[in-house]
Amino acid sequence: MHSLDDPPPEATATRSAVIVPVPAAEDVVGEHRTRLDRAAGWGVPAHLTVLYPFVPPAELDERVLDALAAAVATVEAVEVVFAGTAWFGSEVLWLAPHPEEPLRRLTGAVHEAFPDHPPYGGAFDGVQPHLTVAERALGGAGALEAAEADVRTRLPFRQRLDHVLLIVGSERPRSWRTLRRFELGEGASAQAVVTSR
């Protein structure tokens, strides 16, 4: 929990995101993410992105939170398996969840509720559900290939996906914090959670 002397995370945050945390991935990719994934340096856990960038932190009012809760609740919880690695070109190493269709539906539902906030700012034609392991920009020669070889020895693993997190932060190290948790599945509702780890 943040100190009373510290500003709340939403007060200093410049961005927000909706993610599905994947704690089972930490033992598999955590060491590599620490070195090779900029989001890990910001304090973002291993995850599948639902929608980023999301509503600016200063605009996260109850209306937004209620709409997000309603959108998330339209998609049922699911167990996924991470059995293989994949690449975006030669620049980003990632893990592929299976099945991926529930994650596509989740991103679609949240985007439909917030049409002014397309996934990745509309930079891509489609959205590929993925868990980023490493970025070429942060790794020297062979670093991503070595990470991939190590990660493959630890696959497969499973994770039940039953909630999303609304997180806020900036590009400052360790700045991202959980603002709210929203349960997947019909009739779920938002739950306030501790705002820091």
N, C-alpha and C. Protein backbone atom coordinates (compact mmCIF):
# COMPACT_ATOMS: atom_id res chain seq x y z
N MET A 1 0.85 -1.19 0.00
CA MET A 1 0.00 0.00 0.00
C MET A 1 0.89 1.24 0.00
N HIS A 2 0.47 2.29 -0.74
CA HIS A 2 1.34 3.44 -0.78
C HIS A 2 1.23 4.24 0.50
N SER A 3 2.32 4.94 0.85
CA SER A 3 2.38 5.76 2.05
C SER A 3 1.44 6.94 1.91
N LEU A 4 0.95 7.44 3.05
CA LEU A 4 0.09 8.62 3.03
C LEU A 4 0.85 9.84 2.54
N ASP A 5 2.19 9.79 2.63
CA ASP A 5 3.00 10.91 2.16
C ASP A 5 3.20 10.89 0.65
N ASP A 6 2.92 9.76 0.03
CA ASP A 6 3.10 9.64 -1.41
C ASP A 6 1.80 9.99 -2.13
N PRO A 7 1.91 10.59 -3.32
CA PRO A 7 0.68 10.83 -4.09
C PRO A 7 0.11 9.50 -4.56
N PRO A 8 -1.21 9.40 -4.71
CA PRO A 8 -1.77 8.16 -5.25
C PRO A 8 -1.22 7.91 -6.64
N PRO A 9 -1.13 6.63 -7.06
CA PRO A 9 -0.50 6.35 -8.34
C PRO A 9 -1.15 7.05 -9.52
N GLU A 10 -2.48 7.22 -9.49
CA GLU A 10 -3.14 7.86 -10.62
C GLU A 10 -2.78 9.35 -10.72
N ALA A 11 -2.30 9.95 -9.62
CA ALA A 11 -1.95 11.36 -9.65
C ALA A 11 -0.64 11.60 -10.40
N THR A 12 0.28 10.66 -10.37
CA THR A 12 1.56 10.83 -11.03
C THR A 12 1.65 10.03 -12.33
N ALA A 13 0.65 9.23 -12.62
CA ALA A 13 0.67 8.39 -13.82
C ALA A 13 0.35 9.22 -15.06
N THR A 14 0.92 8.80 -16.18
CA THR A 14 0.64 9.45 -17.46
C THR A 14 -0.09 8.53 -18.42
N ARG A 15 -0.16 7.24 -18.10
CA ARG A 15 -0.79 6.25 -18.98
C ARG A 15 -1.56 5.23 -18.17
N SER A 16 -2.47 4.55 -18.86
CA SER A 16 -3.14 3.41 -18.22
C SER A 16 -3.23 2.27 -19.23
N ALA A 17 -3.45 1.08 -18.72
CA ALA A 17 -3.57 -0.11 -19.56
C ALA A 17 -4.49 -1.10 -18.88
N VAL A 18 -5.12 -1.93 -19.68
CA VAL A 18 -5.92 -3.05 -19.17
C VAL A 18 -5.17 -4.31 -19.57
N ILE A 19 -4.82 -5.12 -18.57
CA ILE A 19 -4.02 -6.32 -18.83
C ILE A 19 -4.62 -7.53 -18.13
N VAL A 20 -4.26 -8.70 -18.62
CA VAL A 20 -4.52 -9.96 -17.91
C VAL A 20 -3.18 -10.41 -17.33
N PRO A 21 -3.03 -10.41 -16.01
CA PRO A 21 -1.76 -10.86 -15.44
C PRO A 21 -1.59 -12.37 -15.63
N VAL A 22 -0.34 -12.80 -15.80
CA VAL A 22 -0.04 -14.22 -15.98
C VAL A 22 1.05 -14.60 -14.97
N PRO A 23 0.67 -14.75 -13.69
CA PRO A 23 1.69 -15.02 -12.67
C PRO A 23 2.47 -16.31 -12.90
N ALA A 24 1.84 -17.30 -13.54
CA ALA A 24 2.55 -18.56 -13.80
C ALA A 24 3.73 -18.36 -14.73
N ALA A 25 3.76 -17.25 -15.46
CA ALA A 25 4.86 -16.99 -16.39
C ALA A 25 6.11 -16.47 -15.69
N GLU A 26 5.97 -15.96 -14.49
CA GLU A 26 7.10 -15.29 -13.85
C GLU A 26 8.31 -16.22 -13.69
N ASP A 27 8.08 -17.47 -13.29
CA ASP A 27 9.20 -18.40 -13.14
C ASP A 27 9.82 -18.78 -14.48
N VAL A 28 9.06 -18.65 -15.54
CA VAL A 28 9.52 -19.04 -16.87
C VAL A 28 10.26 -17.90 -17.56
N VAL A 29 9.71 -16.69 -17.48
CA VAL A 29 10.26 -15.58 -18.26
C VAL A 29 10.74 -14.40 -17.42
N GLY A 30 10.52 -14.43 -16.12
CA GLY A 30 10.82 -13.28 -15.28
C GLY A 30 12.24 -12.77 -15.40
N GLU A 31 13.21 -13.67 -15.36
CA GLU A 31 14.62 -13.27 -15.44
C GLU A 31 14.91 -12.58 -16.77
N HIS A 32 14.36 -13.12 -17.84
CA HIS A 32 14.59 -12.53 -19.16
C HIS A 32 13.87 -11.20 -19.32
N ARG A 33 12.64 -11.12 -18.83
CA ARG A 33 11.90 -9.86 -18.90
C ARG A 33 12.62 -8.75 -18.15
N THR A 34 13.20 -9.08 -17.00
CA THR A 34 13.91 -8.07 -16.21
C THR A 34 14.99 -7.37 -17.03
N ARG A 35 15.65 -8.14 -17.86
CA ARG A 35 16.75 -7.58 -18.67
C ARG A 35 16.30 -7.07 -20.03
N LEU A 36 15.25 -7.68 -20.58
CA LEU A 36 14.99 -7.50 -22.01
C LEU A 36 13.59 -7.00 -22.37
N ASP A 37 12.78 -6.64 -21.39
CA ASP A 37 11.44 -6.12 -21.67
C ASP A 37 11.27 -4.81 -20.92
N ARG A 38 11.13 -3.71 -21.64
CA ARG A 38 11.07 -2.40 -20.98
C ARG A 38 9.88 -2.30 -20.01
N ALA A 39 8.77 -2.97 -20.33
CA ALA A 39 7.61 -2.90 -19.43
C ALA A 39 7.92 -3.50 -18.06
N ALA A 40 8.77 -4.52 -18.03
CA ALA A 40 9.16 -5.10 -16.74
C ALA A 40 9.88 -4.07 -15.89
N GLY A 41 10.73 -3.27 -16.52
CA GLY A 41 11.43 -2.21 -15.80
C GLY A 41 10.50 -1.15 -15.25
N TRP A 42 9.38 -0.96 -15.93
CA TRP A 42 8.38 0.00 -15.44
C TRP A 42 7.58 -0.56 -14.26
N GLY A 43 7.69 -1.86 -14.02
CA GLY A 43 6.93 -2.48 -12.94
C GLY A 43 5.70 -3.24 -13.40
N VAL A 44 5.58 -3.48 -14.71
CA VAL A 44 4.43 -4.21 -15.24
C VAL A 44 4.72 -5.71 -15.16
N PRO A 45 3.83 -6.50 -14.55
CA PRO A 45 4.08 -7.94 -14.43
C PRO A 45 3.94 -8.65 -15.78
N ALA A 46 4.35 -9.91 -15.83
CA ALA A 46 4.11 -10.73 -17.01
C ALA A 46 2.60 -10.70 -17.29
N HIS A 47 2.24 -10.48 -18.56
CA HIS A 47 0.83 -10.23 -18.84
C HIS A 47 0.49 -10.44 -20.30
N LEU A 48 -0.79 -10.46 -20.55
CA LEU A 48 -1.38 -10.36 -21.89
C LEU A 48 -2.09 -9.01 -21.95
N THR A 49 -1.80 -8.21 -22.94
CA THR A 49 -2.42 -6.89 -23.03
C THR A 49 -3.84 -7.02 -23.56
N VAL A 50 -4.78 -6.39 -22.88
CA VAL A 50 -6.16 -6.30 -23.36
C VAL A 50 -6.32 -5.02 -24.17
N LEU A 51 -5.95 -3.88 -23.57
CA LEU A 51 -6.05 -2.60 -24.28
C LEU A 51 -5.03 -1.62 -23.73
N TYR A 52 -4.19 -1.14 -24.64
CA TYR A 52 -3.18 -0.13 -24.32
C TYR A 52 -2.90 0.67 -25.58
N PRO A 53 -2.83 1.99 -25.47
CA PRO A 53 -3.09 2.79 -24.26
C PRO A 53 -4.59 2.89 -23.99
N PHE A 54 -4.93 2.96 -22.70
CA PHE A 54 -6.32 3.05 -22.29
C PHE A 54 -6.61 4.51 -21.93
N VAL A 55 -7.72 4.76 -21.27
CA VAL A 55 -8.16 6.10 -20.90
C VAL A 55 -7.08 6.78 -20.04
N PRO A 56 -6.76 8.05 -20.31
CA PRO A 56 -5.76 8.74 -19.48
C PRO A 56 -6.11 8.65 -17.99
N PRO A 57 -5.12 8.47 -17.13
CA PRO A 57 -5.40 8.28 -15.70
C PRO A 57 -6.28 9.36 -15.08
N ALA A 58 -6.11 10.61 -15.48
CA ALA A 58 -6.92 11.69 -14.90
C ALA A 58 -8.40 11.57 -15.24
N GLU A 59 -8.73 10.76 -16.26
CA GLU A 59 -10.12 10.61 -16.70
C GLU A 59 -10.75 9.31 -16.23
N LEU A 60 -10.08 8.58 -15.36
CA LEU A 60 -10.61 7.29 -14.89
C LEU A 60 -11.61 7.50 -13.76
N ASP A 61 -12.83 7.88 -14.15
CA ASP A 61 -13.88 8.12 -13.16
C ASP A 61 -14.78 6.89 -13.03
N GLU A 62 -15.79 6.98 -12.21
CA GLU A 62 -16.67 5.83 -11.97
C GLU A 62 -17.41 5.39 -13.22
N ARG A 63 -17.74 6.33 -14.09
CA ARG A 63 -18.41 5.97 -15.34
C ARG A 63 -17.51 5.06 -16.18
N VAL A 64 -16.23 5.42 -16.27
CA VAL A 64 -15.28 4.61 -17.02
C VAL A 64 -15.11 3.25 -16.37
N LEU A 65 -14.96 3.23 -15.06
CA LEU A 65 -14.76 1.97 -14.36
C LEU A 65 -15.97 1.05 -14.50
N ASP A 66 -17.16 1.62 -14.43
CA ASP A 66 -18.37 0.80 -14.60
C ASP A 66 -18.46 0.22 -16.01
N ALA A 67 -18.12 1.03 -17.01
CA ALA A 67 -18.17 0.55 -18.39
C ALA A 67 -17.12 -0.53 -18.64
N LEU A 68 -15.95 -0.37 -18.03
CA LEU A 68 -14.91 -1.39 -18.17
C LEU A 68 -15.34 -2.69 -17.49
N ALA A 69 -15.91 -2.59 -16.30
CA ALA A 69 -16.39 -3.78 -15.60
C ALA A 69 -17.42 -4.53 -16.43
N ALA A 70 -18.35 -3.79 -17.03
CA ALA A 70 -19.40 -4.40 -17.84
C ALA A 70 -18.81 -5.10 -19.07
N ALA A 71 -17.84 -4.47 -19.72
CA ALA A 71 -17.23 -5.07 -20.90
C ALA A 71 -16.47 -6.34 -20.55
N VAL A 72 -15.68 -6.27 -19.50
CA VAL A 72 -14.87 -7.43 -19.08
C VAL A 72 -15.77 -8.61 -18.69
N ALA A 73 -16.90 -8.31 -18.07
CA ALA A 73 -17.79 -9.36 -17.59
C ALA A 73 -18.47 -10.14 -18.71
N THR A 74 -18.38 -9.65 -19.96
CA THR A 74 -19.01 -10.36 -21.08
C THR A 74 -18.18 -11.55 -21.56
N VAL A 75 -16.96 -11.68 -21.07
CA VAL A 75 -16.08 -12.77 -21.50
C VAL A 75 -15.81 -13.68 -20.30
N GLU A 76 -16.02 -14.97 -20.51
CA GLU A 76 -15.85 -15.93 -19.43
C GLU A 76 -14.38 -16.21 -19.12
N ALA A 77 -14.12 -16.59 -17.89
CA ALA A 77 -12.78 -17.04 -17.50
C ALA A 77 -12.38 -18.25 -18.34
N VAL A 78 -11.08 -18.42 -18.55
CA VAL A 78 -10.59 -19.50 -19.40
C VAL A 78 -9.21 -19.93 -18.93
N GLU A 79 -8.89 -21.19 -19.13
CA GLU A 79 -7.53 -21.66 -18.88
C GLU A 79 -6.80 -21.68 -20.21
N VAL A 80 -5.60 -21.10 -20.24
CA VAL A 80 -4.80 -21.11 -21.45
C VAL A 80 -3.50 -21.85 -21.21
N VAL A 81 -2.93 -22.33 -22.29
CA VAL A 81 -1.65 -23.02 -22.26
C VAL A 81 -0.65 -22.22 -23.07
N PHE A 82 0.53 -22.05 -22.52
CA PHE A 82 1.63 -21.44 -23.24
C PHE A 82 2.60 -22.56 -23.58
N ALA A 83 2.63 -22.95 -24.84
CA ALA A 83 3.42 -24.12 -25.24
C ALA A 83 4.55 -23.80 -26.19
N GLY A 84 4.58 -22.58 -26.72
CA GLY A 84 5.61 -22.27 -27.69
C GLY A 84 5.97 -20.80 -27.72
N THR A 85 7.12 -20.53 -28.32
CA THR A 85 7.57 -19.15 -28.51
C THR A 85 7.24 -18.71 -29.94
N ALA A 86 7.24 -17.40 -30.14
CA ALA A 86 7.00 -16.83 -31.46
C ALA A 86 7.72 -15.48 -31.51
N TRP A 87 7.75 -14.91 -32.71
CA TRP A 87 8.47 -13.66 -32.92
C TRP A 87 7.62 -12.68 -33.70
N PHE A 88 7.80 -11.38 -33.41
CA PHE A 88 7.36 -10.32 -34.29
C PHE A 88 8.60 -9.90 -35.07
N GLY A 89 8.69 -10.36 -36.32
CA GLY A 89 9.91 -10.13 -37.09
C GLY A 89 11.08 -10.76 -36.37
N SER A 90 12.15 -10.01 -36.21
CA SER A 90 13.29 -10.47 -35.41
C SER A 90 13.47 -9.58 -34.19
N GLU A 91 12.43 -8.77 -33.91
CA GLU A 91 12.57 -7.73 -32.89
C GLU A 91 11.99 -8.07 -31.52
N VAL A 92 10.94 -8.88 -31.47
CA VAL A 92 10.26 -9.17 -30.20
C VAL A 92 10.00 -10.67 -30.09
N LEU A 93 10.46 -11.24 -28.98
CA LEU A 93 10.20 -12.64 -28.64
C LEU A 93 9.01 -12.70 -27.72
N TRP A 94 8.05 -13.60 -28.01
CA TRP A 94 6.86 -13.67 -27.17
C TRP A 94 6.36 -15.10 -27.04
N LEU A 95 5.46 -15.29 -26.08
CA LEU A 95 4.81 -16.57 -25.86
C LEU A 95 3.38 -16.50 -26.37
N ALA A 96 2.96 -17.59 -27.00
CA ALA A 96 1.63 -17.66 -27.59
C ALA A 96 0.66 -18.38 -26.66
N PRO A 97 -0.45 -17.74 -26.28
CA PRO A 97 -1.47 -18.41 -25.48
C PRO A 97 -2.40 -19.23 -26.36
N HIS A 98 -2.87 -20.35 -25.84
CA HIS A 98 -3.84 -21.17 -26.58
C HIS A 98 -4.92 -21.64 -25.60
N PRO A 99 -6.20 -21.42 -25.89
CA PRO A 99 -6.71 -20.75 -27.09
C PRO A 99 -6.53 -19.23 -26.99
N GLU A 100 -6.47 -18.58 -28.12
CA GLU A 100 -6.32 -17.12 -28.12
C GLU A 100 -7.64 -16.40 -28.39
N GLU A 101 -8.64 -17.12 -28.88
CA GLU A 101 -9.90 -16.47 -29.23
C GLU A 101 -10.57 -15.74 -28.04
N PRO A 102 -10.60 -16.32 -26.82
CA PRO A 102 -11.19 -15.56 -25.71
C PRO A 102 -10.49 -14.23 -25.46
N LEU A 103 -9.18 -14.19 -25.69
CA LEU A 103 -8.44 -12.94 -25.50
C LEU A 103 -8.77 -11.94 -26.60
N ARG A 104 -8.96 -12.43 -27.80
CA ARG A 104 -9.39 -11.54 -28.88
C ARG A 104 -10.78 -10.95 -28.56
N ARG A 105 -11.68 -11.82 -28.04
CA ARG A 105 -13.02 -11.33 -27.67
C ARG A 105 -12.94 -10.30 -26.56
N LEU A 106 -12.03 -10.52 -25.61
CA LEU A 106 -11.89 -9.59 -24.49
C LEU A 106 -11.41 -8.22 -24.99
N THR A 107 -10.39 -8.22 -25.82
CA THR A 107 -9.92 -6.95 -26.39
C THR A 107 -11.03 -6.30 -27.21
N GLY A 108 -11.76 -7.10 -27.99
CA GLY A 108 -12.85 -6.56 -28.79
C GLY A 108 -13.94 -5.93 -27.94
N ALA A 109 -14.29 -6.59 -26.83
CA ALA A 109 -15.34 -6.07 -25.95
C ALA A 109 -14.93 -4.76 -25.30
N VAL A 110 -13.69 -4.68 -24.85
CA VAL A 110 -13.23 -3.45 -24.19
C VAL A 110 -13.08 -2.33 -25.22
N HIS A 111 -12.56 -2.66 -26.39
CA HIS A 111 -12.44 -1.63 -27.43
C HIS A 111 -13.82 -1.13 -27.87
N GLU A 112 -14.78 -2.04 -27.98
CA GLU A 112 -16.13 -1.63 -28.35
C GLU A 112 -16.71 -0.65 -27.33
N ALA A 113 -16.41 -0.88 -26.05
CA ALA A 113 -16.90 0.02 -25.00
C ALA A 113 -16.15 1.34 -25.00
N PHE A 114 -14.92 1.33 -25.53
CA PHE A 114 -14.09 2.54 -25.54
C PHE A 114 -13.50 2.74 -26.96
N PRO A 115 -14.35 3.07 -27.93
CA PRO A 115 -13.91 3.12 -29.32
C PRO A 115 -12.86 4.19 -29.61
N ASP A 116 -12.73 5.18 -28.74
CA ASP A 116 -11.72 6.21 -28.93
C ASP A 116 -10.33 5.75 -28.52
N HIS A 117 -10.23 4.50 -28.04
CA HIS A 117 -8.94 3.98 -27.56
C HIS A 117 -8.64 2.64 -28.24
N PRO A 118 -8.24 2.68 -29.52
CA PRO A 118 -7.94 1.42 -30.21
C PRO A 118 -6.68 0.76 -29.66
N PRO A 119 -6.59 -0.56 -29.77
CA PRO A 119 -5.40 -1.27 -29.30
C PRO A 119 -4.13 -0.70 -29.93
N TYR A 120 -3.14 -0.45 -29.10
CA TYR A 120 -1.84 0.08 -29.54
C TYR A 120 -1.99 1.35 -30.36
N GLY A 121 -3.03 2.12 -30.02
CA GLY A 121 -3.24 3.39 -30.71
C GLY A 121 -3.59 3.25 -32.17
N GLY A 122 -4.00 2.05 -32.59
CA GLY A 122 -4.36 1.82 -33.98
C GLY A 122 -3.16 1.56 -34.87
N ALA A 123 -2.01 1.27 -34.28
CA ALA A 123 -0.78 1.10 -35.06
C ALA A 123 -0.77 -0.18 -35.90
N PHE A 124 -1.60 -1.16 -35.52
CA PHE A 124 -1.59 -2.45 -36.22
C PHE A 124 -2.98 -2.78 -36.75
N ASP A 125 -3.02 -3.52 -37.85
CA ASP A 125 -4.31 -3.90 -38.45
C ASP A 125 -5.08 -4.86 -37.56
N GLY A 126 -4.40 -5.80 -36.95
CA GLY A 126 -5.04 -6.76 -36.06
C GLY A 126 -4.27 -6.84 -34.76
N VAL A 127 -4.84 -7.54 -33.80
CA VAL A 127 -4.19 -7.70 -32.51
C VAL A 127 -3.88 -9.18 -32.30
N GLN A 128 -2.64 -9.47 -32.02
CA GLN A 128 -2.20 -10.84 -31.74
C GLN A 128 -1.99 -10.99 -30.24
N PRO A 129 -2.83 -11.78 -29.56
CA PRO A 129 -2.59 -12.00 -28.13
C PRO A 129 -1.19 -12.58 -27.91
N HIS A 130 -0.45 -11.99 -26.99
CA HIS A 130 0.92 -12.44 -26.76
C HIS A 130 1.43 -11.98 -25.40
N LEU A 131 2.41 -12.71 -24.90
CA LEU A 131 3.10 -12.34 -23.67
C LEU A 131 4.55 -12.03 -24.05
N THR A 132 4.91 -10.77 -23.98
CA THR A 132 6.26 -10.36 -24.39
C THR A 132 7.31 -10.89 -23.42
N VAL A 133 8.36 -11.45 -24.01
CA VAL A 133 9.50 -11.95 -23.23
C VAL A 133 10.68 -11.01 -23.36
N ALA A 134 10.98 -10.57 -24.58
CA ALA A 134 12.21 -9.81 -24.81
C ALA A 134 12.10 -8.96 -26.05
N GLU A 135 12.79 -7.81 -26.02
CA GLU A 135 12.84 -6.89 -27.15
C GLU A 135 14.27 -6.75 -27.64
N ARG A 136 14.45 -6.82 -28.95
CA ARG A 136 15.79 -6.73 -29.54
C ARG A 136 16.48 -5.43 -29.14
N ALA A 137 15.73 -4.34 -29.00
CA ALA A 137 16.32 -3.05 -28.68
C ALA A 137 17.07 -3.07 -27.34
N LEU A 138 16.72 -4.01 -26.46
CA LEU A 138 17.35 -4.07 -25.14
C LEU A 138 18.38 -5.18 -25.02
N GLY A 139 18.51 -6.01 -26.05
CA GLY A 139 19.41 -7.15 -25.96
C GLY A 139 20.53 -7.10 -26.98
N GLY A 140 21.69 -7.53 -26.56
CA GLY A 140 22.82 -7.60 -27.47
C GLY A 140 22.71 -8.80 -28.39
N ALA A 141 23.77 -9.01 -29.16
CA ALA A 141 23.80 -10.12 -30.11
C ALA A 141 23.56 -11.44 -29.40
N GLY A 142 22.55 -12.14 -29.88
CA GLY A 142 22.26 -13.47 -29.35
C GLY A 142 21.45 -13.51 -28.07
N ALA A 143 21.16 -12.34 -27.47
CA ALA A 143 20.46 -12.34 -26.18
C ALA A 143 19.06 -12.91 -26.29
N LEU A 144 18.33 -12.52 -27.33
CA LEU A 144 16.96 -13.01 -27.47
C LEU A 144 16.93 -14.48 -27.84
N GLU A 145 17.87 -14.90 -28.68
CA GLU A 145 17.93 -16.31 -29.05
C GLU A 145 18.27 -17.17 -27.84
N ALA A 146 19.17 -16.68 -26.98
CA ALA A 146 19.51 -17.42 -25.76
C ALA A 146 18.32 -17.47 -24.82
N ALA A 147 17.59 -16.35 -24.73
CA ALA A 147 16.39 -16.33 -23.89
C ALA A 147 15.37 -17.33 -24.41
N GLU A 148 15.19 -17.37 -25.72
CA GLU A 148 14.23 -18.30 -26.30
C GLU A 148 14.62 -19.75 -26.00
N ALA A 149 15.89 -20.07 -26.15
CA ALA A 149 16.34 -21.44 -25.89
C ALA A 149 16.07 -21.84 -24.44
N ASP A 150 16.30 -20.92 -23.51
CA ASP A 150 16.06 -21.21 -22.10
C ASP A 150 14.56 -21.35 -21.83
N VAL A 151 13.76 -20.43 -22.34
CA VAL A 151 12.32 -20.46 -22.10
C VAL A 151 11.70 -21.75 -22.63
N ARG A 152 12.15 -22.20 -23.78
CA ARG A 152 11.58 -23.41 -24.37
C ARG A 152 11.75 -24.63 -23.47
N THR A 153 12.81 -24.64 -22.65
CA THR A 153 13.01 -25.78 -21.74
C THR A 153 12.00 -25.77 -20.60
N ARG A 154 11.28 -24.66 -20.42
CA ARG A 154 10.34 -24.52 -19.30
C ARG A 154 8.88 -24.58 -19.74
N LEU A 155 8.68 -24.82 -21.01
CA LEU A 155 7.31 -24.91 -21.54
C LEU A 155 6.89 -26.38 -21.65
N PRO A 156 5.59 -26.65 -21.59
CA PRO A 156 4.48 -25.69 -21.48
C PRO A 156 4.16 -25.37 -20.03
N PHE A 157 3.35 -24.32 -19.86
CA PHE A 157 2.74 -24.05 -18.56
C PHE A 157 1.33 -23.54 -18.80
N ARG A 158 0.51 -23.62 -17.77
CA ARG A 158 -0.90 -23.23 -17.86
C ARG A 158 -1.20 -22.07 -16.92
N GLN A 159 -2.23 -21.32 -17.27
CA GLN A 159 -2.69 -20.25 -16.40
C GLN A 159 -4.19 -20.09 -16.56
N ARG A 160 -4.91 -20.07 -15.47
CA ARG A 160 -6.33 -19.73 -15.52
C ARG A 160 -6.44 -18.21 -15.54
N LEU A 161 -7.13 -17.70 -16.53
CA LEU A 161 -7.34 -16.26 -16.67
C LEU A 161 -8.76 -15.95 -16.20
N ASP A 162 -8.86 -15.30 -15.04
CA ASP A 162 -10.19 -15.04 -14.48
C ASP A 162 -10.41 -13.58 -14.10
N HIS A 163 -9.43 -12.73 -14.36
CA HIS A 163 -9.62 -11.31 -14.07
C HIS A 163 -8.65 -10.48 -14.91
N VAL A 164 -8.96 -9.20 -15.00
CA VAL A 164 -8.05 -8.24 -15.62
C VAL A 164 -7.69 -7.20 -14.57
N LEU A 165 -6.60 -6.50 -14.84
CA LEU A 165 -6.18 -5.40 -13.98
C LEU A 165 -6.15 -4.11 -14.79
N LEU A 166 -6.64 -3.05 -14.18
CA LEU A 166 -6.46 -1.71 -14.72
C LEU A 166 -5.23 -1.16 -14.01
N ILE A 167 -4.18 -0.90 -14.79
CA ILE A 167 -2.93 -0.42 -14.20
C ILE A 167 -2.61 0.97 -14.73
N VAL A 168 -1.89 1.73 -13.93
CA VAL A 168 -1.52 3.10 -14.30
C VAL A 168 -0.05 3.31 -13.99
N GLY A 169 0.59 4.17 -14.77
CA GLY A 169 2.00 4.44 -14.53
C GLY A 169 2.57 5.35 -15.60
N SER A 170 3.90 5.29 -15.73
CA SER A 170 4.61 6.11 -16.70
C SER A 170 5.85 5.34 -17.14
N GLU A 171 6.75 5.99 -17.84
CA GLU A 171 7.99 5.32 -18.25
C GLU A 171 9.06 5.38 -17.17
N ARG A 172 8.70 5.90 -16.00
CA ARG A 172 9.66 5.89 -14.89
C ARG A 172 9.80 4.46 -14.35
N PRO A 173 11.00 4.08 -13.90
CA PRO A 173 11.19 2.73 -13.35
C PRO A 173 10.24 2.44 -12.20
N ARG A 174 9.68 1.23 -12.22
CA ARG A 174 8.81 0.72 -11.15
C ARG A 174 7.62 1.63 -10.85
N SER A 175 7.13 2.34 -11.84
CA SER A 175 6.06 3.31 -11.60
C SER A 175 4.65 2.76 -11.76
N TRP A 176 4.50 1.60 -12.42
CA TRP A 176 3.16 1.09 -12.69
C TRP A 176 2.56 0.41 -11.47
N ARG A 177 1.28 0.70 -11.22
CA ARG A 177 0.56 0.16 -10.07
C ARG A 177 -0.84 -0.29 -10.50
N THR A 178 -1.38 -1.26 -9.77
CA THR A 178 -2.75 -1.70 -10.02
C THR A 178 -3.72 -0.72 -9.39
N LEU A 179 -4.67 -0.27 -10.20
CA LEU A 179 -5.70 0.63 -9.70
C LEU A 179 -6.97 -0.14 -9.34
N ARG A 180 -7.40 -1.07 -10.21
CA ARG A 180 -8.59 -1.88 -9.96
C ARG A 180 -8.43 -3.25 -10.58
N ARG A 181 -9.17 -4.19 -10.02
CA ARG A 181 -9.27 -5.55 -10.56
C ARG A 181 -10.71 -5.75 -11.00
N PHE A 182 -10.89 -6.39 -12.16
CA PHE A 182 -12.22 -6.67 -12.70
C PHE A 182 -12.30 -8.15 -13.03
N GLU A 183 -13.36 -8.79 -12.54
CA GLU A 183 -13.51 -10.22 -12.75
C GLU A 183 -14.10 -10.53 -14.12
N LEU A 184 -13.56 -11.54 -14.77
CA LEU A 184 -14.16 -12.06 -15.99
C LEU A 184 -15.41 -12.87 -15.64
N GLY A 185 -16.30 -13.00 -16.60
CA GLY A 185 -17.46 -13.85 -16.39
C GLY A 185 -18.71 -13.04 -16.14
N GLU A 186 -19.84 -13.64 -16.49
CA GLU A 186 -21.13 -12.96 -16.40
C GLU A 186 -21.43 -12.53 -14.97
N GLY A 187 -21.85 -11.26 -14.85
CA GLY A 187 -22.27 -10.73 -13.56
C GLY A 187 -21.13 -10.31 -12.66
N ALA A 188 -19.88 -10.31 -13.16
CA ALA A 188 -18.76 -9.90 -12.33
C ALA A 188 -18.79 -8.39 -12.12
N SER A 189 -18.05 -7.94 -11.14
CA SER A 189 -18.01 -6.51 -10.86
C SER A 189 -16.60 -6.10 -10.49
N ALA A 190 -16.35 -4.81 -10.50
CA ALA A 190 -15.02 -4.30 -10.17
C ALA A 190 -14.75 -4.49 -8.69
N GLN A 191 -13.50 -4.74 -8.36
CA GLN A 191 -13.08 -4.84 -6.97
C GLN A 191 -11.89 -3.92 -6.77
N ALA A 192 -11.95 -3.11 -5.75
CA ALA A 192 -10.79 -2.26 -5.42
C ALA A 192 -9.71 -3.17 -4.87
N VAL A 193 -8.48 -2.86 -5.17
CA VAL A 193 -7.36 -3.65 -4.68
C VAL A 193 -6.29 -2.72 -4.16
N VAL A 194 -5.31 -3.29 -3.49
CA VAL A 194 -4.19 -2.51 -3.01
C VAL A 194 -3.52 -1.84 -4.20
N THR A 195 -3.13 -0.58 -4.07
CA THR A 195 -2.64 0.16 -5.21
C THR A 195 -1.14 0.05 -5.43
N SER A 196 -0.44 -0.72 -4.63
CA SER A 196 0.97 -0.97 -4.90
C SER A 196 1.37 -2.28 -4.29
N ARG A 197 2.52 -2.78 -4.78
CA ARG A 197 2.99 -4.06 -4.28
C ARG A 197 4.01 -3.86 -3.20
